[in-house]
Amino acid sequence: LRATQFHEFAEQTLDRVPGPFAVVPRMRTQPIAAR
C-alpha cells in the first residue's frame, strides 16, 4: 500500500530546524490522516 504524506509531515518539517526561520521545501502533496 503506497500512501501519501501524513498530516503530521508538516510538523516534522517545521521541527527539523528550530529557530526564527522555517526552511520548507516546495512540494505538492495530498496528505492523509495516519489513522
PDB file of all heavy atoms in Angstrom:
ATOM      1  N   LEU A   1       0.854  -1.191   0.000  1.00  0.00           N
ATOM      2  CA  LEU A   1       0.000   0.000   0.000  1.00  0.00           C
ATOM      3  C   LEU A   1       0.887   1.236   0.000  1.00  0.00           C
ATOM      4  O   LEU A   1       1.601   1.489   0.965  1.00  0.00           O
ATOM      5  CB  LEU A   1      -0.904   0.017   1.232  1.00  0.00           C
ATOM      6  CG  LEU A   1      -1.746   1.295   1.404  1.00  0.00           C
ATOM      7  CD1 LEU A   1      -2.770   1.428   0.280  1.00  0.00           C
ATOM      8  CD2 LEU A   1      -2.426   1.315   2.775  1.00  0.00           C
ATOM      9  N   ARG A   2       0.823   2.012  -1.072  1.00  0.00           N
ATOM     10  CA  ARG A   2       1.529   3.289  -1.107  1.00  0.00           C
ATOM     11  C   ARG A   2       0.578   4.380  -0.627  1.00  0.00           C
ATOM     12  O   ARG A   2      -0.523   4.529  -1.169  1.00  0.00           O
ATOM     13  CB  ARG A   2       2.013   3.613  -2.518  1.00  0.00           C
ATOM     14  CG  ARG A   2       3.181   2.759  -2.989  1.00  0.00           C
ATOM     15  CD  ARG A   2       3.633   3.187  -4.372  1.00  0.00           C
ATOM     16  NE  ARG A   2       4.833   2.468  -4.802  1.00  0.00           N
ATOM     17  CZ  ARG A   2       5.452   2.670  -5.956  1.00  0.00           C
ATOM     18  NH1 ARG A   2       4.977   3.593  -6.800  1.00  0.00           N
ATOM     19  NH2 ARG A   2       6.531   1.983  -6.278  1.00  0.00           N
ATOM     20  N   ALA A   3       1.012   5.147   0.364  1.00  0.00           N
ATOM     21  CA  ALA A   3       0.207   6.251   0.888  1.00  0.00           C
ATOM     22  C   ALA A   3       0.970   7.556   0.728  1.00  0.00           C
ATOM     23  O   ALA A   3       2.203   7.570   0.652  1.00  0.00           O
ATOM     24  CB  ALA A   3      -0.128   6.021   2.359  1.00  0.00           C
ATOM     25  N   THR A   4       0.241   8.649   0.664  1.00  0.00           N
ATOM     26  CA  THR A   4       0.857   9.967   0.600  1.00  0.00           C
ATOM     27  C   THR A   4       1.369  10.369   1.985  1.00  0.00           C
ATOM     28  O   THR A   4       1.212   9.639   2.963  1.00  0.00           O
ATOM     29  CB  THR A   4      -0.159  11.007   0.092  1.00  0.00           C
ATOM     30  OG1 THR A   4      -1.344  10.923   0.892  1.00  0.00           O
ATOM     31  CG2 THR A   4      -0.500  10.766  -1.366  1.00  0.00           C
ATOM     32  N   GLN A   5       1.994  11.538   2.059  1.00  0.00           N
ATOM     33  CA  GLN A   5       2.497  12.032   3.336  1.00  0.00           C
ATOM     34  C   GLN A   5       1.354  12.170   4.339  1.00  0.00           C
ATOM     35  O   GLN A   5       0.216  12.460   3.976  1.00  0.00           O
ATOM     36  CB  GLN A   5       3.168  13.396   3.152  1.00  0.00           C
ATOM     37  CG  GLN A   5       4.347  13.386   2.202  1.00  0.00           C
ATOM     38  CD  GLN A   5       5.557  12.655   2.740  1.00  0.00           C
ATOM     39  OE1 GLN A   5       5.630  12.341   3.926  1.00  0.00           O
ATOM     40  NE2 GLN A   5       6.511  12.362   1.885  1.00  0.00           N
ATOM     41  N   PHE A   6       1.689  11.959   5.608  1.00  0.00           N
ATOM     42  CA  PHE A   6       0.700  12.133   6.670  1.00  0.00           C
ATOM     43  C   PHE A   6       0.530  13.623   6.986  1.00  0.00           C
ATOM     44  O   PHE A   6       1.407  14.441   6.703  1.00  0.00           O
ATOM     45  CB  PHE A   6       1.137  11.414   7.948  1.00  0.00           C
ATOM     46  CG  PHE A   6       1.490   9.967   7.727  1.00  0.00           C
ATOM     47  CD1 PHE A   6       2.562   9.408   8.406  1.00  0.00           C
ATOM     48  CD2 PHE A   6       0.763   9.172   6.865  1.00  0.00           C
ATOM     49  CE1 PHE A   6       2.898   8.083   8.218  1.00  0.00           C
ATOM     50  CE2 PHE A   6       1.091   7.844   6.665  1.00  0.00           C
ATOM     51  CZ  PHE A   6       2.163   7.297   7.344  1.00  0.00           C
ATOM     52  N   HIS A   7      -0.580  13.969   7.622  1.00  0.00           N
ATOM     53  CA  HIS A   7      -0.773  15.346   8.079  1.00  0.00           C
ATOM     54  C   HIS A   7       0.365  15.764   9.016  1.00  0.00           C
ATOM     55  O   HIS A   7       0.753  16.934   9.045  1.00  0.00           O
ATOM     56  CB  HIS A   7      -2.108  15.470   8.810  1.00  0.00           C
ATOM     57  CG  HIS A   7      -3.306  15.306   7.915  1.00  0.00           C
ATOM     58  ND1 HIS A   7      -3.374  15.834   6.645  1.00  0.00           N
ATOM     59  CD2 HIS A   7      -4.492  14.673   8.122  1.00  0.00           C
ATOM     60  CE1 HIS A   7      -4.538  15.535   6.108  1.00  0.00           C
ATOM     61  NE2 HIS A   7      -5.236  14.830   6.969  1.00  0.00           N
ATOM     62  N   GLU A   8       0.904  14.818   9.770  1.00  0.00           N
ATOM     63  CA  GLU A   8       1.992  15.119  10.709  1.00  0.00           C
ATOM     64  C   GLU A   8       3.276  15.550  10.020  1.00  0.00           C
ATOM     65  O   GLU A   8       4.202  16.064  10.678  1.00  0.00           O
ATOM     66  CB  GLU A   8       2.274  13.887  11.581  1.00  0.00           C
ATOM     67  CG  GLU A   8       1.212  13.580  12.613  1.00  0.00           C
ATOM     68  CD  GLU A   8       0.075  12.727  12.077  1.00  0.00           C
ATOM     69  OE1 GLU A   8       0.001  12.483  10.846  1.00  0.00           O
ATOM     70  OE2 GLU A   8      -0.761  12.298  12.890  1.00  0.00           O
ATOM     71  N   PHE A   9       3.377  15.347   8.700  1.00  0.00           N
ATOM     72  CA  PHE A   9       4.612  15.686   7.984  1.00  0.00           C
ATOM     73  C   PHE A   9       4.918  17.176   8.056  1.00  0.00           C
ATOM     74  O   PHE A   9       6.087  17.584   8.086  1.00  0.00           O
ATOM     75  CB  PHE A   9       4.493  15.236   6.529  1.00  0.00           C
ATOM     76  CG  PHE A   9       5.756  15.417   5.733  1.00  0.00           C
ATOM     77  CD1 PHE A   9       6.908  14.742   6.073  1.00  0.00           C
ATOM     78  CD2 PHE A   9       5.787  16.274   4.638  1.00  0.00           C
ATOM     79  CE1 PHE A   9       8.076  14.901   5.340  1.00  0.00           C
ATOM     80  CE2 PHE A   9       6.938  16.445   3.895  1.00  0.00           C
ATOM     81  CZ  PHE A   9       8.083  15.756   4.245  1.00  0.00           C
ATOM     82  N   ALA A  10       3.899  18.017   8.089  1.00  0.00           N
ATOM     83  CA  ALA A  10       4.129  19.457   8.196  1.00  0.00           C
ATOM     84  C   ALA A  10       4.836  19.787   9.508  1.00  0.00           C
ATOM     85  O   ALA A  10       5.756  20.620   9.543  1.00  0.00           O
ATOM     86  CB  ALA A  10       2.805  20.215   8.108  1.00  0.00           C
ATOM     87  N   GLU A  11       4.433  19.135  10.576  1.00  0.00           N
ATOM     88  CA  GLU A  11       5.068  19.377  11.869  1.00  0.00           C
ATOM     89  C   GLU A  11       6.497  18.857  11.887  1.00  0.00           C
ATOM     90  O   GLU A  11       7.400  19.493  12.431  1.00  0.00           O
ATOM     91  CB  GLU A  11       4.247  18.716  12.982  1.00  0.00           C
ATOM     92  CG  GLU A  11       4.800  19.000  14.371  1.00  0.00           C
ATOM     93  CD  GLU A  11       3.842  18.561  15.451  1.00  0.00           C
ATOM     94  OE1 GLU A  11       3.447  17.385  15.454  1.00  0.00           O
ATOM     95  OE2 GLU A  11       3.486  19.400  16.283  1.00  0.00           O
ATOM     96  N   GLN A  12       6.706  17.700  11.288  1.00  0.00           N
ATOM     97  CA  GLN A  12       8.054  17.146  11.205  1.00  0.00           C
ATOM     98  C   GLN A  12       8.977  18.112  10.471  1.00  0.00           C
ATOM     99  O   GLN A  12      10.105  18.380  10.913  1.00  0.00           O
ATOM    100  CB  GLN A  12       8.028  15.802  10.487  1.00  0.00           C
ATOM    101  CG  GLN A  12       9.418  15.218  10.292  1.00  0.00           C
ATOM    102  CD  GLN A  12       9.445  14.197   9.184  1.00  0.00           C
ATOM    103  OE1 GLN A  12       8.456  14.015   8.462  1.00  0.00           O
ATOM    104  NE2 GLN A  12      10.560  13.528   9.044  1.00  0.00           N
ATOM    105  N   THR A  13       8.513  18.635   9.344  1.00  0.00           N
ATOM    106  CA  THR A  13       9.302  19.575   8.557  1.00  0.00           C
ATOM    107  C   THR A  13       9.613  20.835   9.363  1.00  0.00           C
ATOM    108  O   THR A  13      10.749  21.322   9.364  1.00  0.00           O
ATOM    109  CB  THR A  13       8.536  19.956   7.272  1.00  0.00           C
ATOM    110  OG1 THR A  13       8.267  18.777   6.518  1.00  0.00           O
ATOM    111  CG2 THR A  13       9.340  20.922   6.427  1.00  0.00           C
ATOM    112  N   LEU A  14       8.634  21.336  10.078  1.00  0.00           N
ATOM    113  CA  LEU A  14       8.808  22.562  10.856  1.00  0.00           C
ATOM    114  C   LEU A  14       9.791  22.370  12.003  1.00  0.00           C
ATOM    115  O   LEU A  14      10.582  23.264  12.310  1.00  0.00           O
ATOM    116  CB  LEU A  14       7.452  23.009  11.408  1.00  0.00           C
ATOM    117  CG  LEU A  14       7.405  24.310  12.205  1.00  0.00           C
ATOM    118  CD1 LEU A  14       7.870  25.484  11.358  1.00  0.00           C
ATOM    119  CD2 LEU A  14       5.993  24.542  12.733  1.00  0.00           C
ATOM    120  N   ASP A  15       9.771  21.205  12.621  1.00  0.00           N
ATOM    121  CA  ASP A  15      10.565  20.980  13.821  1.00  0.00           C
ATOM    122  C   ASP A  15      11.968  20.461  13.545  1.00  0.00           C
ATOM    123  O   ASP A  15      12.749  20.263  14.474  1.00  0.00           O
ATOM    124  CB  ASP A  15       9.840  20.000  14.748  1.00  0.00           C
ATOM    125  CG  ASP A  15       8.579  20.615  15.350  1.00  0.00           C
ATOM    126  OD1 ASP A  15       8.454  21.857  15.315  1.00  0.00           O
ATOM    127  OD2 ASP A  15       7.721  19.854  15.838  1.00  0.00           O
ATOM    128  N   ARG A  16      12.296  20.233  12.273  1.00  0.00           N
ATOM    129  CA  ARG A  16      13.633  19.731  11.958  1.00  0.00           C
ATOM    130  C   ARG A  16      14.718  20.723  12.374  1.00  0.00           C
ATOM    131  O   ARG A  16      15.766  20.333  12.888  1.00  0.00           O
ATOM    132  CB  ARG A  16      13.758  19.467  10.453  1.00  0.00           C
ATOM    133  CG  ARG A  16      13.208  18.126  10.005  1.00  0.00           C
ATOM    134  CD  ARG A  16      13.293  18.000   8.502  1.00  0.00           C
ATOM    135  NE  ARG A  16      12.824  16.713   8.038  1.00  0.00           N
ATOM    136  CZ  ARG A  16      12.542  16.433   6.775  1.00  0.00           C
ATOM    137  NH1 ARG A  16      12.691  17.376   5.847  1.00  0.00           N
ATOM    138  NH2 ARG A  16      12.116  15.242   6.421  1.00  0.00           N
ATOM    139  N   VAL A  17      14.460  22.014  12.120  1.00  0.00           N
ATOM    140  CA  VAL A  17      15.445  23.046  12.436  1.00  0.00           C
ATOM    141  C   VAL A  17      14.770  24.119  13.277  1.00  0.00           C
ATOM    142  O   VAL A  17      13.968  24.906  12.764  1.00  0.00           O
ATOM    143  CB  VAL A  17      16.033  23.674  11.156  1.00  0.00           C
ATOM    144  CG1 VAL A  17      17.071  24.730  11.520  1.00  0.00           C
ATOM    145  CG2 VAL A  17      16.638  22.605  10.263  1.00  0.00           C
ATOM    146  N   PRO A  18      15.051  24.178  14.579  1.00  0.00           N
ATOM    147  CA  PRO A  18      14.437  25.212  15.418  1.00  0.00           C
ATOM    148  C   PRO A  18      15.047  26.577  15.129  1.00  0.00           C
ATOM    149  O   PRO A  18      16.104  26.693  14.506  1.00  0.00           O
ATOM    150  CB  PRO A  18      14.779  24.742  16.833  1.00  0.00           C
ATOM    151  CG  PRO A  18      16.035  23.942  16.674  1.00  0.00           C
ATOM    152  CD  PRO A  18      15.937  23.277  15.341  1.00  0.00           C
ATOM    153  N   GLY A  19      14.374  27.609  15.578  1.00  0.00           N
ATOM    154  CA  GLY A  19      14.895  28.958  15.379  1.00  0.00           C
ATOM    155  C   GLY A  19      13.874  29.847  14.713  1.00  0.00           C
ATOM    156  O   GLY A  19      12.723  29.459  14.479  1.00  0.00           O
ATOM    157  N   PRO A  20      14.282  31.060  14.358  1.00  0.00           N
ATOM    158  CA  PRO A  20      13.322  32.041  13.809  1.00  0.00           C
ATOM    159  C   PRO A  20      12.916  31.759  12.370  1.00  0.00           C
ATOM    160  O   PRO A  20      11.920  32.293  11.898  1.00  0.00           O
ATOM    161  CB  PRO A  20      14.092  33.359  13.898  1.00  0.00           C
ATOM    162  CG  PRO A  20      15.536  32.954  13.838  1.00  0.00           C
ATOM    163  CD  PRO A  20      15.623  31.641  14.558  1.00  0.00           C
ATOM    164  N   PHE A  21      13.687  30.923  11.664  1.00  0.00           N
ATOM    165  CA  PHE A  21      13.383  30.634  10.261  1.00  0.00           C
ATOM    166  C   PHE A  21      12.914  29.198  10.115  1.00  0.00           C
ATOM    167  O   PHE A  21      13.449  28.285  10.752  1.00  0.00           O
ATOM    168  CB  PHE A  21      14.607  30.868   9.373  1.00  0.00           C
ATOM    169  CG  PHE A  21      15.141  32.273   9.429  1.00  0.00           C
ATOM    170  CD1 PHE A  21      16.277  32.571  10.181  1.00  0.00           C
ATOM    171  CD2 PHE A  21      14.502  33.294   8.753  1.00  0.00           C
ATOM    172  CE1 PHE A  21      16.769  33.855  10.244  1.00  0.00           C
ATOM    173  CE2 PHE A  21      14.987  34.590   8.803  1.00  0.00           C
ATOM    174  CZ  PHE A  21      16.122  34.873   9.554  1.00  0.00           C
ATOM    175  N   ALA A  22      11.931  28.995   9.257  1.00  0.00           N
ATOM    176  CA  ALA A  22      11.443  27.658   8.932  1.00  0.00           C
ATOM    177  C   ALA A  22      11.688  27.422   7.450  1.00  0.00           C
ATOM    178  O   ALA A  22      10.995  27.981   6.600  1.00  0.00           O
ATOM    179  CB  ALA A  22       9.961  27.532   9.254  1.00  0.00           C
ATOM    180  N   VAL A  23      12.700  26.620   7.154  1.00  0.00           N
ATOM    181  CA  VAL A  23      13.043  26.313   5.765  1.00  0.00           C
ATOM    182  C   VAL A  23      12.188  25.129   5.316  1.00  0.00           C
ATOM    183  O   VAL A  23      12.283  24.035   5.875  1.00  0.00           O
ATOM    184  CB  VAL A  23      14.538  25.986   5.622  1.00  0.00           C
ATOM    185  CG1 VAL A  23      14.866  25.647   4.164  1.00  0.00           C
ATOM    186  CG2 VAL A  23      15.384  27.158   6.109  1.00  0.00           C
ATOM    187  N   VAL A  24      11.350  25.370   4.311  1.00  0.00           N
ATOM    188  CA  VAL A  24      10.359  24.365   3.901  1.00  0.00           C
ATOM    189  C   VAL A  24      10.490  24.102   2.403  1.00  0.00           C
ATOM    190  O   VAL A  24      10.452  25.036   1.601  1.00  0.00           O
ATOM    191  CB  VAL A  24       8.926  24.854   4.208  1.00  0.00           C
ATOM    192  CG1 VAL A  24       7.904  23.789   3.814  1.00  0.00           C
ATOM    193  CG2 VAL A  24       8.795  25.212   5.682  1.00  0.00           C
ATOM    194  N   PRO A  25      10.660  22.838   2.013  1.00  0.00           N
ATOM    195  CA  PRO A  25      10.737  22.551   0.579  1.00  0.00           C
ATOM    196  C   PRO A  25       9.402  22.787  -0.118  1.00  0.00           C
ATOM    197  O   PRO A  25       8.335  22.529   0.460  1.00  0.00           O
ATOM    198  CB  PRO A  25      11.120  21.065   0.536  1.00  0.00           C
ATOM    199  CG  PRO A  25      10.668  20.509   1.842  1.00  0.00           C
ATOM    200  CD  PRO A  25      10.813  21.619   2.837  1.00  0.00           C
ATOM    201  N   ARG A  26       9.475  23.294  -1.325  1.00  0.00           N
ATOM    202  CA  ARG A  26       8.257  23.434  -2.128  1.00  0.00           C
ATOM    203  C   ARG A  26       7.822  22.040  -2.581  1.00  0.00           C
ATOM    204  O   ARG A  26       8.589  21.320  -3.213  1.00  0.00           O
ATOM    205  CB  ARG A  26       8.517  24.328  -3.340  1.00  0.00           C
ATOM    206  CG  ARG A  26       8.810  25.780  -2.964  1.00  0.00           C
ATOM    207  CD  ARG A  26       8.815  26.673  -4.197  1.00  0.00           C
ATOM    208  NE  ARG A  26       9.104  28.058  -3.864  1.00  0.00           N
ATOM    209  CZ  ARG A  26       8.200  28.943  -3.448  1.00  0.00           C
ATOM    210  NH1 ARG A  26       6.931  28.563  -3.315  1.00  0.00           N
ATOM    211  NH2 ARG A  26       8.546  30.181  -3.177  1.00  0.00           N
ATOM    212  N   MET A  27       6.590  21.682  -2.245  1.00  0.00           N
ATOM    213  CA  MET A  27       6.140  20.331  -2.540  1.00  0.00           C
ATOM    214  C   MET A  27       4.626  20.282  -2.585  1.00  0.00           C
ATOM    215  O   MET A  27       3.952  20.848  -1.725  1.00  0.00           O
ATOM    216  CB  MET A  27       6.638  19.360  -1.453  1.00  0.00           C
ATOM    217  CG  MET A  27       6.321  17.912  -1.722  1.00  0.00           C
ATOM    218  SD  MET A  27       6.952  16.852  -0.398  1.00  0.00           S
ATOM    219  CE  MET A  27       5.575  16.897   0.742  1.00  0.00           C
ATOM    220  N   ARG A  28       4.087  19.617  -3.595  1.00  0.00           N
ATOM    221  CA  ARG A  28       2.661  19.336  -3.649  1.00  0.00           C
ATOM    222  C   ARG A  28       2.417  17.947  -3.078  1.00  0.00           C
ATOM    223  O   ARG A  28       3.139  17.000  -3.376  1.00  0.00           O
ATOM    224  CB  ARG A  28       2.142  19.389  -5.090  1.00  0.00           C
ATOM    225  CG  ARG A  28       2.164  20.752  -5.721  1.00  0.00           C
ATOM    226  CD  ARG A  28       1.661  20.679  -7.155  1.00  0.00           C
ATOM    227  NE  ARG A  28       0.199  20.565  -7.203  1.00  0.00           N
ATOM    228  CZ  ARG A  28      -0.467  19.886  -8.120  1.00  0.00           C
ATOM    229  NH1 ARG A  28       0.187  19.190  -9.046  1.00  0.00           N
ATOM    230  NH2 ARG A  28      -1.781  19.866  -8.126  1.00  0.00           N
ATOM    231  N   THR A  29       1.406  17.840  -2.261  1.00  0.00           N
ATOM    232  CA  THR A  29       1.078  16.552  -1.658  1.00  0.00           C
ATOM    233  C   THR A  29      -0.429  16.485  -1.447  1.00  0.00           C
ATOM    234  O   THR A  29      -1.121  17.498  -1.551  1.00  0.00           O
ATOM    235  CB  THR A  29       1.831  16.347  -0.334  1.00  0.00           C
ATOM    236  OG1 THR A  29       1.545  15.037   0.190  1.00  0.00           O
ATOM    237  CG2 THR A  29       1.438  17.397   0.698  1.00  0.00           C
ATOM    238  N   GLN A  30      -0.904  15.304  -1.169  1.00  0.00           N
ATOM    239  CA  GLN A  30      -2.320  15.103  -0.892  1.00  0.00           C
ATOM    240  C   GLN A  30      -2.415  14.388   0.455  1.00  0.00           C
ATOM    241  O   GLN A  30      -2.704  13.205   0.518  1.00  0.00           O
ATOM    242  CB  GLN A  30      -2.982  14.288  -2.016  1.00  0.00           C
ATOM    243  CG  GLN A  30      -4.503  14.345  -2.013  1.00  0.00           C
ATOM    244  CD  GLN A  30      -5.092  13.831  -3.312  1.00  0.00           C
ATOM    245  OE1 GLN A  30      -4.482  13.969  -4.375  1.00  0.00           O
ATOM    246  NE2 GLN A  30      -6.272  13.232  -3.249  1.00  0.00           N
ATOM    247  N   PRO A  31      -2.148  15.101   1.553  1.00  0.00           N
ATOM    248  CA  PRO A  31      -1.899  14.471   2.853  1.00  0.00           C
ATOM    249  C   PRO A  31      -3.111  13.737   3.407  1.00  0.00           C
ATOM    250  O   PRO A  31      -4.260  14.085   3.137  1.00  0.00           O
ATOM    251  CB  PRO A  31      -1.516  15.657   3.737  1.00  0.00           C
ATOM    252  CG  PRO A  31      -2.217  16.828   3.116  1.00  0.00           C
ATOM    253  CD  PRO A  31      -2.148  16.568   1.633  1.00  0.00           C
ATOM    254  N   ILE A  32      -2.799  12.739   4.229  1.00  0.00           N
ATOM    255  CA  ILE A  32      -3.832  11.873   4.784  1.00  0.00           C
ATOM    256  C   ILE A  32      -3.594  11.679   6.276  1.00  0.00           C
ATOM    257  O   ILE A  32      -2.458  11.747   6.756  1.00  0.00           O
ATOM    258  CB  ILE A  32      -3.843  10.516   4.048  1.00  0.00           C
ATOM    259  CG1 ILE A  32      -5.017   9.650   4.522  1.00  0.00           C
ATOM    260  CG2 ILE A  32      -2.505   9.790   4.205  1.00  0.00           C
ATOM    261  CD1 ILE A  32      -5.297   8.461   3.649  1.00  0.00           C
ATOM    262  N   ALA A  33      -4.649  11.426   7.016  1.00  0.00           N
ATOM    263  CA  ALA A  33      -4.542  11.146   8.445  1.00  0.00           C
ATOM    264  C   ALA A  33      -3.904   9.779   8.653  1.00  0.00           C
ATOM    265  O   ALA A  33      -4.272   8.797   8.000  1.00  0.00           O
ATOM    266  CB  ALA A  33      -5.929  11.179   9.091  1.00  0.00           C
ATOM    267  N   ALA A  34      -2.950   9.700   9.560  1.00  0.00           N
ATOM    268  CA  ALA A  34      -2.261   8.438   9.830  1.00  0.00           C
ATOM    269  C   ALA A  34      -3.233   7.349  10.277  1.00  0.00           C
ATOM    270  O   ALA A  34      -3.060   6.176   9.941  1.00  0.00           O
ATOM    271  CB  ALA A  34      -1.181   8.657  10.890  1.00  0.00           C
ATOM    272  N   ARG A  35      -4.260   7.723  11.027  1.00  0.00           N
ATOM    273  CA  ARG A  35      -5.228   6.708  11.464  1.00  0.00           C
ATOM    274  C   ARG A  35      -5.976   6.111  10.276  1.00  0.00           C
ATOM    275  O   ARG A  35      -6.291   4.918  10.269  1.00  0.00           O
ATOM    276  CB  ARG A  35      -6.222   7.291  12.469  1.00  0.00           C
ATOM    277  CG  ARG A  35      -7.231   6.252  12.958  1.00  0.00           C
ATOM    278  CD  ARG A  35      -8.135   6.771  14.033  1.00  0.00           C
ATOM    279  NE  ARG A  35      -7.465   6.950  15.315  1.00  0.00           N
ATOM    280  CZ  ARG A  35      -7.208   5.933  16.152  1.00  0.00           C
ATOM    281  NH1 ARG A  35      -7.522   4.702  15.829  1.00  0.00           N
ATOM    282  NH2 ARG A  35      -6.630   6.185  17.306  1.00  0.00           N
TER     283      ARG A  35
END
